C-alpha atoms as a PDB file:
ATOM      1  CA  MET A   1       0.346   0.067   0.010  1.00  0.00           C
ATOM      2  CA  ASN A   2       1.670   3.378  -0.937  1.00  0.00           C
ATOM      3  CA  ILE A   3       0.254   6.418   0.594  1.00  0.00           C
ATOM      4  CA  GLN A   4       0.958   9.775  -0.903  1.00  0.00           C
ATOM      5  CA  PRO A   5       2.706  12.388   1.853  1.00  0.00           C
ATOM      6  CA  ALA A   6       0.450  15.122   3.200  1.00  0.00           C
ATOM      7  CA  VAL A   7       2.244  18.253   3.735  1.00  0.00           C
ATOM      8  CA  PHE A   8       2.367  18.799   7.312  1.00  0.00           C
ATOM      9  CA  SER A   9       0.726  21.926   8.551  1.00  0.00           C
ATOM     10  CA  GLY A  10       2.755  24.565  10.857  1.00  0.00           C
ATOM     11  CA  ALA A  11      -0.031  25.443  12.548  1.00  0.00           C
ATOM     12  CA  VAL A  12      -0.355  22.103  13.586  1.00  0.00           C
ATOM     13  CA  ALA A  13       2.822  21.843  14.957  1.00  0.00           C
ATOM     14  CA  ALA A  14       2.702  24.938  16.897  1.00  0.00           C
ATOM     15  CA  ALA A  15      -0.438  23.240  18.619  1.00  0.00           C
ATOM     16  CA  SER A  16       1.563  20.386  19.975  1.00  0.00           C
ATOM     17  CA  LEU A  17       4.377  22.756  20.867  1.00  0.00           C
ATOM     18  CA  GLN A  18       1.891  24.640  22.960  1.00  0.00           C
ATOM     19  CA  GLN A  19       0.912  21.157  24.512  1.00  0.00           C
ATOM     20  CA  LEU A  20       4.161  20.327  25.829  1.00  0.00           C
ATOM     21  CA  ARG A  21       5.721  23.927  26.854  1.00  0.00           C
ATOM     22  CA  LEU A  22       1.982  23.330  29.031  1.00  0.00           C
ATOM     23  CA  SER A  23       2.812  19.584  30.212  1.00  0.00           C
ATOM     24  CA  ALA A  24       6.509  19.805  30.625  1.00  0.00           C
ATOM     25  CA  PRO A  25       7.125  16.071  30.212  1.00  0.00           C
ATOM     26  CA  LEU A  26       9.496  14.502  32.283  1.00  0.00           C
ATOM     27  CA  VAL A  27      11.842  12.017  29.529  1.00  0.00           C
ATOM     28  CA  HIS A  28      14.029   8.704  30.594  1.00  0.00           C
ATOM     29  CA  CYS A  29      16.804   9.144  27.980  1.00  0.00           C
ATOM     30  CA  LEU A  30      18.788   5.788  27.424  1.00  0.00           C
ATOM     31  CA  THR A  31      20.769   7.351  25.105  1.00  0.00           C
ATOM     32  CA  ASN A  32      24.620   7.382  23.244  1.00  0.00           C
ATOM     33  CA  ASP A  33      27.466   8.321  25.445  1.00  0.00           C
ATOM     34  CA  VAL A  34      28.362  10.911  22.850  1.00  0.00           C
ATOM     35  CA  VAL A  35      25.331  13.035  23.105  1.00  0.00           C
ATOM     36  CA  GLN A  36      23.942  13.233  26.366  1.00  0.00           C
ATOM     37  CA  SER A  37      24.292  16.517  27.595  1.00  0.00           C
ATOM     38  CA  PHE A  38      23.228  17.759  24.151  1.00  0.00           C
ATOM     39  CA  THR A  39      20.158  16.113  24.532  1.00  0.00           C
ATOM     40  CA  ALA A  40      19.696  17.438  27.529  1.00  0.00           C
ATOM     41  CA  ASN A  41      19.787  21.042  26.438  1.00  0.00           C
ATOM     42  CA  VAL A  42      17.620  20.498  23.899  1.00  0.00           C
ATOM     43  CA  LEU A  43      14.837  19.271  25.834  1.00  0.00           C
ATOM     44  CA  LEU A  44      14.911  21.806  28.398  1.00  0.00           C
ATOM     45  CA  ALA A  45      14.907  24.590  25.571  1.00  0.00           C
ATOM     46  CA  LEU A  46      11.641  23.382  24.667  1.00  0.00           C
ATOM     47  CA  GLY A  47      10.393  22.921  27.875  1.00  0.00           C
ATOM     48  CA  ALA A  48      10.437  19.583  28.540  1.00  0.00           C
ATOM     49  CA  SER A  49      12.705  17.878  31.045  1.00  0.00           C
ATOM     50  CA  PRO A  50      15.859  15.504  30.692  1.00  0.00           C
ATOM     51  CA  ALA A  51      16.791  12.516  33.088  1.00  0.00           C
ATOM     52  CA  MET A  52      19.447  10.095  32.298  1.00  0.00           C
ATOM     53  CA  VAL A  53      19.359   6.946  34.809  1.00  0.00           C
ATOM     54  CA  VAL A  54      21.050   4.498  32.886  1.00  0.00           C
ATOM     55  CA  ASP A  55      21.920   1.591  35.610  1.00  0.00           C
ATOM     56  CA  PRO A  56      19.331  -1.441  34.785  1.00  0.00           C
ATOM     57  CA  ALA A  57      18.549  -1.554  38.796  1.00  0.00           C
ATOM     58  CA  GLU A  58      17.332   2.170  38.720  1.00  0.00           C
ATOM     59  CA  ALA A  59      16.572   2.313  35.336  1.00  0.00           C
ATOM     60  CA  ALA A  60      13.586   0.419  35.309  1.00  0.00           C
ATOM     61  CA  GLN A  61      12.319   1.842  38.540  1.00  0.00           C
ATOM     62  CA  PHE A  62      12.355   5.700  36.549  1.00  0.00           C
ATOM     63  CA  SER A  63      10.633   4.618  33.411  1.00  0.00           C
ATOM     64  CA  ALA A  64       7.611   3.687  35.614  1.00  0.00           C
ATOM     65  CA  VAL A  65       8.226   7.478  37.094  1.00  0.00           C
ATOM     66  CA  ALA A  66       8.821   9.669  33.586  1.00  0.00           C
ATOM     67  CA  ASP A  67       6.114  10.592  31.162  1.00  0.00           C
ATOM     68  CA  ALA A  68       8.351   8.719  28.147  1.00  0.00           C
ATOM     69  CA  LEU A  69      11.144   6.671  27.263  1.00  0.00           C
ATOM     70  CA  LEU A  70      13.684   6.847  24.542  1.00  0.00           C
ATOM     71  CA  VAL A  71      16.256   4.119  24.106  1.00  0.00           C
ATOM     72  CA  ASN A  72      19.046   5.364  21.914  1.00  0.00           C
ATOM     73  CA  VAL A  73      21.602   2.533  20.567  1.00  0.00           C
ATOM     74  CA  GLY A  74      23.855   4.613  19.741  1.00  0.00           C
ATOM     75  CA  THR A  75      26.703   2.929  21.780  1.00  0.00           C
ATOM     76  CA  LEU A  76      25.219  -0.342  22.656  1.00  0.00           C
ATOM     77  CA  THR A  77      27.107  -2.331  25.330  1.00  0.00           C
ATOM     78  CA  ARG A  78      25.868  -5.243  27.229  1.00  0.00           C
ATOM     79  CA  PRO A  79      24.980  -3.416  30.302  1.00  0.00           C
ATOM     80  CA  HIS A  80      22.876  -1.041  28.455  1.00  0.00           C
ATOM     81  CA  SER A  81      21.224  -3.159  26.798  1.00  0.00           C
ATOM     82  CA  ASP A  82      20.078  -5.063  30.242  1.00  0.00           C
ATOM     83  CA  ALA A  83      18.868  -1.396  31.257  1.00  0.00           C
ATOM     84  CA  MET A  84      17.601  -0.905  28.258  1.00  0.00           C
ATOM     85  CA  LEU A  85      14.864  -3.932  27.833  1.00  0.00           C
ATOM     86  CA  VAL A  86      13.823  -3.756  31.898  1.00  0.00           C
ATOM     87  CA  ALA A  87      13.494  -0.302  31.676  1.00  0.00           C
ATOM     88  CA  ILE A  88      11.016  -0.485  28.661  1.00  0.00           C
ATOM     89  CA  HIS A  89       8.678  -3.485  30.247  1.00  0.00           C
ATOM     90  CA  ALA A  90       8.708  -0.925  33.389  1.00  0.00           C
ATOM     91  CA  ALA A  91       7.636   2.106  30.667  1.00  0.00           C
ATOM     92  CA  ARG A  92       4.856  -0.738  29.408  1.00  0.00           C
ATOM     93  CA  GLN A  93       3.478  -1.959  32.597  1.00  0.00           C
ATOM     94  CA  ALA A  94       2.850   1.750  33.926  1.00  0.00           C
ATOM     95  CA  GLY A  95       1.557   2.877  30.433  1.00  0.00           C
ATOM     96  CA  LYS A  96       4.200   5.073  29.350  1.00  0.00           C
ATOM     97  CA  PRO A  97       5.463   5.197  25.336  1.00  0.00           C
ATOM     98  CA  TRP A  98       9.093   4.504  24.741  1.00  0.00           C
ATOM     99  CA  VAL A  99      10.973   5.430  21.390  1.00  0.00           C
ATOM    100  CA  LEU A 100      13.635   3.720  19.768  1.00  0.00           C
ATOM    101  CA  ASP A 101      15.879   5.399  18.010  1.00  0.00           C
ATOM    102  CA  PRO A 102      17.729   2.413  15.797  1.00  0.00           C
ATOM    103  CA  VAL A 103      21.402   4.028  15.623  1.00  0.00           C
ATOM    104  CA  ALA A 104      23.253   1.915  12.879  1.00  0.00           C
ATOM    105  CA  VAL A 105      20.795  -0.814  12.718  1.00  0.00           C
ATOM    106  CA  GLY A 106      21.724  -2.886   9.399  1.00  0.00           C
ATOM    107  CA  GLY A 107      25.495  -1.776   9.653  1.00  0.00           C
ATOM    108  CA  LEU A 108      26.333  -3.721  12.620  1.00  0.00           C
ATOM    109  CA  SER A 109      24.954  -7.443  13.637  1.00  0.00           C
ATOM    110  CA  TRP A 110      24.792  -7.357  17.328  1.00  0.00           C
ATOM    111  CA  ARG A 111      22.221  -4.179  17.715  1.00  0.00           C
ATOM    112  CA  THR A 112      20.474  -5.523  14.249  1.00  0.00           C
ATOM    113  CA  GLU A 113      19.643  -8.224  16.402  1.00  0.00           C
ATOM    114  CA  PHE A 114      18.758  -6.413  19.467  1.00  0.00           C
ATOM    115  CA  CYS A 115      16.622  -3.932  17.680  1.00  0.00           C
ATOM    116  CA  LEU A 116      14.712  -6.460  15.501  1.00  0.00           C
ATOM    117  CA  GLU A 117      13.518  -7.473  19.388  1.00  0.00           C
ATOM    118  CA  LEU A 118      12.693  -4.638  20.814  1.00  0.00           C
ATOM    119  CA  ILE A 119      10.802  -3.549  17.997  1.00  0.00           C
ATOM    120  CA  LYS A 120       8.083  -6.433  19.218  1.00  0.00           C
ATOM    121  CA  LEU A 121       7.875  -4.803  22.456  1.00  0.00           C
ATOM    122  CA  ASN A 122       5.244  -2.169  21.040  1.00  0.00           C
ATOM    123  CA  PRO A 123       7.507   1.025  20.643  1.00  0.00           C
ATOM    124  CA  ALA A 124       5.584   4.278  19.982  1.00  0.00           C
ATOM    125  CA  ALA A 125       7.303   5.653  17.743  1.00  0.00           C
ATOM    126  CA  ILE A 126      10.658   5.058  16.215  1.00  0.00           C
ATOM    127  CA  ARG A 127      13.000   7.551  14.305  1.00  0.00           C
ATOM    128  CA  GLY A 128      15.893   7.041  11.925  1.00  0.00           C
ATOM    129  CA  ASN A 129      17.498   7.654   8.571  1.00  0.00           C
ATOM    130  CA  ALA A 130      16.531   6.229   5.426  1.00  0.00           C
ATOM    131  CA  SER A 131      18.936   3.125   5.888  1.00  0.00           C
ATOM    132  CA  GLU A 132      18.322   1.969   9.673  1.00  0.00           C
ATOM    133  CA  ILE A 133      14.487   2.115   8.378  1.00  0.00           C
ATOM    134  CA  ARG A 134      14.864  -0.195   6.042  1.00  0.00           C
ATOM    135  CA  ALA A 135      16.936  -2.259   7.315  1.00  0.00           C
ATOM    136  CA  LEU A 136      14.518  -2.475  10.527  1.00  0.00           C
ATOM    137  CA  SER A 137      11.926  -3.841   7.934  1.00  0.00           C
ATOM    138  CA  GLY A 138      13.973  -5.976   6.842  1.00  0.00           C
ATOM    139  CA  LEU A 139      15.163  -4.431   3.476  1.00  0.00           C
ATOM    140  CA  THR A 140      18.607  -4.277   2.429  1.00  0.00           C
ATOM    141  CA  ALA A 141      20.261  -0.360   3.065  1.00  0.00           C
ATOM    142  CA  ALA A 142      23.046   1.092   1.845  1.00  0.00           C
ATOM    143  CA  GLY A 143      24.316   2.887   5.102  1.00  0.00           C
ATOM    144  CA  ARG A 144      28.289   3.216   6.789  1.00  0.00           C
ATOM    145  CA  GLY A 145      27.563   3.925  10.507  1.00  0.00           C
ATOM    146  CA  VAL A 146      25.152   6.459  10.991  1.00  0.00           C
ATOM    147  CA  ASP A 147      25.155   8.309   8.056  1.00  0.00           C
ATOM    148  CA  SER A 148      22.315   7.096   5.670  1.00  0.00           C
ATOM    149  CA  GLY A 149      23.406   6.011   1.906  1.00  0.00           C
ATOM    150  CA  ASP A 150      19.565   6.016   1.051  1.00  0.00           C
ATOM    151  CA  ASP A 151      17.035   8.740   0.568  1.00  0.00           C
ATOM    152  CA  SER A 152      14.071   9.643   2.840  1.00  0.00           C
ATOM    153  CA  LEU A 153      11.553   9.640  -0.117  1.00  0.00           C
ATOM    154  CA  SER A 154      12.856   5.926  -1.029  1.00  0.00           C
ATOM    155  CA  ALA A 155      11.998   4.428   2.651  1.00  0.00           C
ATOM    156  CA  ILE A 156       8.893   5.889   2.864  1.00  0.00           C
ATOM    157  CA  PRO A 157       7.812   1.959   1.680  1.00  0.00           C
ATOM    158  CA  SER A 158       9.587   0.585   4.518  1.00  0.00           C
ATOM    159  CA  ALA A 159       8.328   2.806   7.206  1.00  0.00           C
ATOM    160  CA  GLN A 160       4.850   1.827   6.298  1.00  0.00           C
ATOM    161  CA  GLN A 161       5.471  -1.208   6.682  1.00  0.00           C
ATOM    162  CA  LEU A 162       7.265  -0.728   9.641  1.00  0.00           C
ATOM    163  CA  ALA A 163       4.478   1.439  11.656  1.00  0.00           C
ATOM    164  CA  ARG A 164       1.611  -1.585  10.549  1.00  0.00           C
ATOM    165  CA  GLU A 165       3.723  -4.293  12.150  1.00  0.00           C
ATOM    166  CA  THR A 166       4.716  -2.680  15.078  1.00  0.00           C
ATOM    167  CA  GLY A 167       1.882  -0.092  16.161  1.00  0.00           C
ATOM    168  CA  ALA A 168       4.433   2.494  16.501  1.00  0.00           C
ATOM    169  CA  VAL A 169       4.495   5.747  14.582  1.00  0.00           C
ATOM    170  CA  VAL A 170       7.405   5.811  12.551  1.00  0.00           C
ATOM    171  CA  ALA A 171       9.375   9.076  11.380  1.00  0.00           C
ATOM    172  CA  VAL A 172      12.345   8.566   8.693  1.00  0.00           C
ATOM    173  CA  THR A 173      14.334  11.749   8.467  1.00  0.00           C
ATOM    174  CA  GLY A 174      16.328  13.177   5.825  1.00  0.00           C
ATOM    175  CA  GLU A 175      16.400  16.285   3.750  1.00  0.00           C
ATOM    176  CA  THR A 176      12.846  15.952   4.384  1.00  0.00           C
ATOM    177  CA  ASP A 177      11.287  13.803   6.798  1.00  0.00           C
ATOM    178  CA  TYR A 178       8.476  11.686   6.281  1.00  0.00           C
ATOM    179  CA  VAL A 179       6.092  10.536   9.545  1.00  0.00           C
ATOM    180  CA  THR A 180       3.875   7.529   9.244  1.00  0.00           C
ATOM    181  CA  ASP A 181       1.048   5.607  10.754  1.00  0.00           C
ATOM    182  CA  GLY A 182       0.989   2.806   8.134  1.00  0.00           C
ATOM    183  CA  GLU A 183      -2.471   4.338   7.496  1.00  0.00           C
ATOM    184  CA  ARG A 184      -1.201   8.192   6.802  1.00  0.00           C
ATOM    185  CA  CYS A 185       1.619   9.653   6.002  1.00  0.00           C
ATOM    186  CA  LEU A 186       3.228  13.083   6.799  1.00  0.00           C
ATOM    187  CA  ALA A 187       6.127  15.304   4.637  1.00  0.00           C
ATOM    188  CA  VAL A 188       7.920  17.925   6.781  1.00  0.00           C
ATOM    189  CA  ALA A 189      10.146  20.093   5.241  1.00  0.00           C
ATOM    190  CA  GLY A 190      12.815  22.439   6.630  1.00  0.00           C
ATOM    191  CA  GLY A 191      16.383  22.288   7.841  1.00  0.00           C
ATOM    192  CA  HIS A 192      19.292  22.439   6.569  1.00  0.00           C
ATOM    193  CA  PRO A 193      22.473  20.333   5.250  1.00  0.00           C
ATOM    194  CA  MET A 194      24.634  21.868   8.196  1.00  0.00           C
ATOM    195  CA  MET A 195      22.704  19.812  10.464  1.00  0.00           C
ATOM    196  CA  THR A 196      24.650  17.075   9.616  1.00  0.00           C
ATOM    197  CA  ARG A 197      27.991  18.200  10.420  1.00  0.00           C
ATOM    198  CA  VAL A 198      27.479  18.862  14.237  1.00  0.00           C
ATOM    199  CA  VAL A 199      27.171  15.677  16.201  1.00  0.00           C
ATOM    200  CA  GLY A 200      23.478  14.103  18.193  1.00  0.00           C
ATOM    201  CA  THR A 201      20.655  16.415  16.216  1.00  0.00           C
ATOM    202  CA  GLY A 202      19.281  13.278  14.690  1.00  0.00           C
ATOM    203  CA  CYS A 203      19.838  11.698  18.157  1.00  0.00           C
ATOM    204  CA  ALA A 204      18.202  15.198  20.097  1.00  0.00           C
ATOM    205  CA  LEU A 205      15.307  14.636  17.874  1.00  0.00           C
ATOM    206  CA  SER A 206      14.364  11.527  18.706  1.00  0.00           C
ATOM    207  CA  ALA A 207      14.370  12.414  22.320  1.00  0.00           C
ATOM    208  CA  VAL A 208      11.995  15.447  21.390  1.00  0.00           C
ATOM    209  CA  VAL A 209      10.196  12.833  19.914  1.00  0.00           C
ATOM    210  CA  ALA A 210       9.799  11.208  23.026  1.00  0.00           C
ATOM    211  CA  ALA A 211       8.711  14.251  24.370  1.00  0.00           C
ATOM    212  CA  PHE A 212       6.057  14.739  21.978  1.00  0.00           C
ATOM    213  CA  SER A 213       5.086  10.745  22.281  1.00  0.00           C
ATOM    214  CA  CYS A 214       3.230  11.503  25.368  1.00  0.00           C
ATOM    215  CA  LEU A 215       0.913  14.215  24.927  1.00  0.00           C
ATOM    216  CA  PRO A 216      -2.611  13.448  24.556  1.00  0.00           C
ATOM    217  CA  GLY A 217      -3.881  13.767  20.749  1.00  0.00           C
ATOM    218  CA  ASP A 218      -3.122  12.137  17.370  1.00  0.00           C
ATOM    219  CA  ARG A 219       0.431  10.740  18.299  1.00  0.00           C
ATOM    220  CA  LEU A 220       1.274  11.141  14.343  1.00  0.00           C
ATOM    221  CA  ASN A 221       0.775  15.049  14.591  1.00  0.00           C
ATOM    222  CA  HIS A 222       3.125  14.995  17.519  1.00  0.00           C
ATOM    223  CA  VAL A 223       5.582  13.200  16.032  1.00  0.00           C
ATOM    224  CA  ALA A 224       6.267  15.103  12.849  1.00  0.00           C
ATOM    225  CA  ALA A 225       5.659  18.053  15.278  1.00  0.00           C
ATOM    226  CA  ALA A 226       8.657  17.312  16.914  1.00  0.00           C
ATOM    227  CA  CYS A 227      10.594  17.087  13.641  1.00  0.00           C
ATOM    228  CA  ARG A 228       9.130  20.180  11.867  1.00  0.00           C
ATOM    229  CA  VAL A 229      10.161  22.128  15.678  1.00  0.00           C
ATOM    230  CA  MET A 230      13.861  20.589  15.085  1.00  0.00           C
ATOM    231  CA  SER A 231      14.248  21.511  11.357  1.00  0.00           C
ATOM    232  CA  CYS A 232      12.801  24.944  12.161  1.00  0.00           C
ATOM    233  CA  GLY A 233      15.502  25.512  15.031  1.00  0.00           C
ATOM    234  CA  GLY A 234      18.009  24.255  13.120  1.00  0.00           C
ATOM    235  CA  GLU A 235      17.071  26.043   9.668  1.00  0.00           C
ATOM    236  CA  ARG A 236      17.057  29.732  11.278  1.00  0.00           C
ATOM    237  CA  ALA A 237      20.016  28.915  13.228  1.00  0.00           C
ATOM    238  CA  CYS A 238      22.027  28.027  10.092  1.00  0.00           C
ATOM    239  CA  ALA A 239      20.480  31.003   8.057  1.00  0.00           C
ATOM    240  CA  VAL A 240      22.654  33.187  10.837  1.00  0.00           C
ATOM    241  CA  VAL A 241      25.914  31.196  11.900  1.00  0.00           C
ATOM    242  CA  LYS A 242      28.969  31.313  10.035  1.00  0.00           C
ATOM    243  CA  GLY A 243      29.727  27.461  11.133  1.00  0.00           C
ATOM    244  CA  PRO A 244      29.258  23.821  13.021  1.00  0.00           C
ATOM    245  CA  GLY A 245      30.902  25.732  16.051  1.00  0.00           C
ATOM    246  CA  SER A 246      28.492  28.596  16.833  1.00  0.00           C
ATOM    247  CA  PHE A 247      25.424  26.263  15.892  1.00  0.00           C
ATOM    248  CA  THR A 248      24.449  24.675  19.116  1.00  0.00           C
ATOM    249  CA  ALA A 249      24.416  28.129  21.039  1.00  0.00           C
ATOM    250  CA  ALA A 250      22.202  29.059  17.965  1.00  0.00           C
ATOM    251  CA  PHE A 251      19.741  26.251  17.790  1.00  0.00           C
ATOM    252  CA  LEU A 252      19.289  25.914  21.453  1.00  0.00           C
ATOM    253  CA  ASP A 253      18.302  29.645  21.497  1.00  0.00           C
ATOM    254  CA  ASN A 254      15.560  29.397  18.445  1.00  0.00           C
ATOM    255  CA  LEU A 255      14.382  26.138  19.894  1.00  0.00           C
ATOM    256  CA  TYR A 256      13.383  28.459  23.169  1.00  0.00           C
ATOM    257  CA  LEU A 257      12.074  31.140  21.452  1.00  0.00           C
ATOM    258  CA  MET A 258      10.030  28.566  18.898  1.00  0.00           C
ATOM    259  CA  ASN A 259       6.393  30.599  17.900  1.00  0.00           C
ATOM    260  CA  GLU A 260       3.537  29.670  15.701  1.00  0.00           C
ATOM    261  CA  GLY A 261       4.918  32.009  13.305  1.00  0.00           C
ATOM    262  CA  TRP A 262       8.225  30.457  12.652  1.00  0.00           C
ATOM    263  CA  LEU A 263       6.375  27.040  12.601  1.00  0.00           C
ATOM    264  CA  ASN A 264       4.434  28.486   9.162  1.00  0.00           C
ATOM    265  CA  GLY A 265       7.594  30.120   7.844  1.00  0.00           C
ATOM    266  CA  GLU A 266       7.038  33.837   9.194  1.00  0.00           C
ATOM    267  CA  GLY A 267       8.499  36.117  11.406  1.00  0.00           C
ATOM    268  CA  GLN A 268      12.441  36.785  11.899  1.00  0.00           C
END
């Protein structure tokens, strides 16, 4: 079933962002070692609360308390995998959504096998690049580590299949982001190539997806809103900075100041 993407509305993104700021969700981030600080700052700038509780004995307890859980396998180790499994089971038992970022799936065998087991545990959302989503759906992909060798548009059928099989909202990100629940598909424009030259933008997006996934209402729209908020913050930052070194500060400022006009492509 080939579903044609619809253009996502900036007004809908703004409504989701307002919900996020009012609810200030607590997001438990089991993420990779490279991006923890950046991820925390991104969530704080948007109005969410981050926490990184990584020991298996505490991860389960905390996931039941948090509003959402992020599982990012970027720097996967055996202890990390233990913490992830107990946290997911605790989140599910407490009725809390969890989000998977399948970093480098398809390129490394153990993490691929691990993530194929994780998607049987009903993630609320899955966020990856085209190669990761294609590999997770069982297709051959052209990724190299965390880099995608596939175009996001080419991964839409894989994303739709994955969404139908898992019940998750699947976001495949690239030059244009595509978000699907298997029945509907949204195209989210924006962003800038410089964002691929700053470590952690994709991983932080997955944490933002987790924050938006716990909001009441249409999860497809909320996940698309997460993508649009991040792409808008990135494109605005890249319009004024000279390079990756000054990007992070400008990006965080733009997330903090984000408004409906910006999300609709208006204003300064």
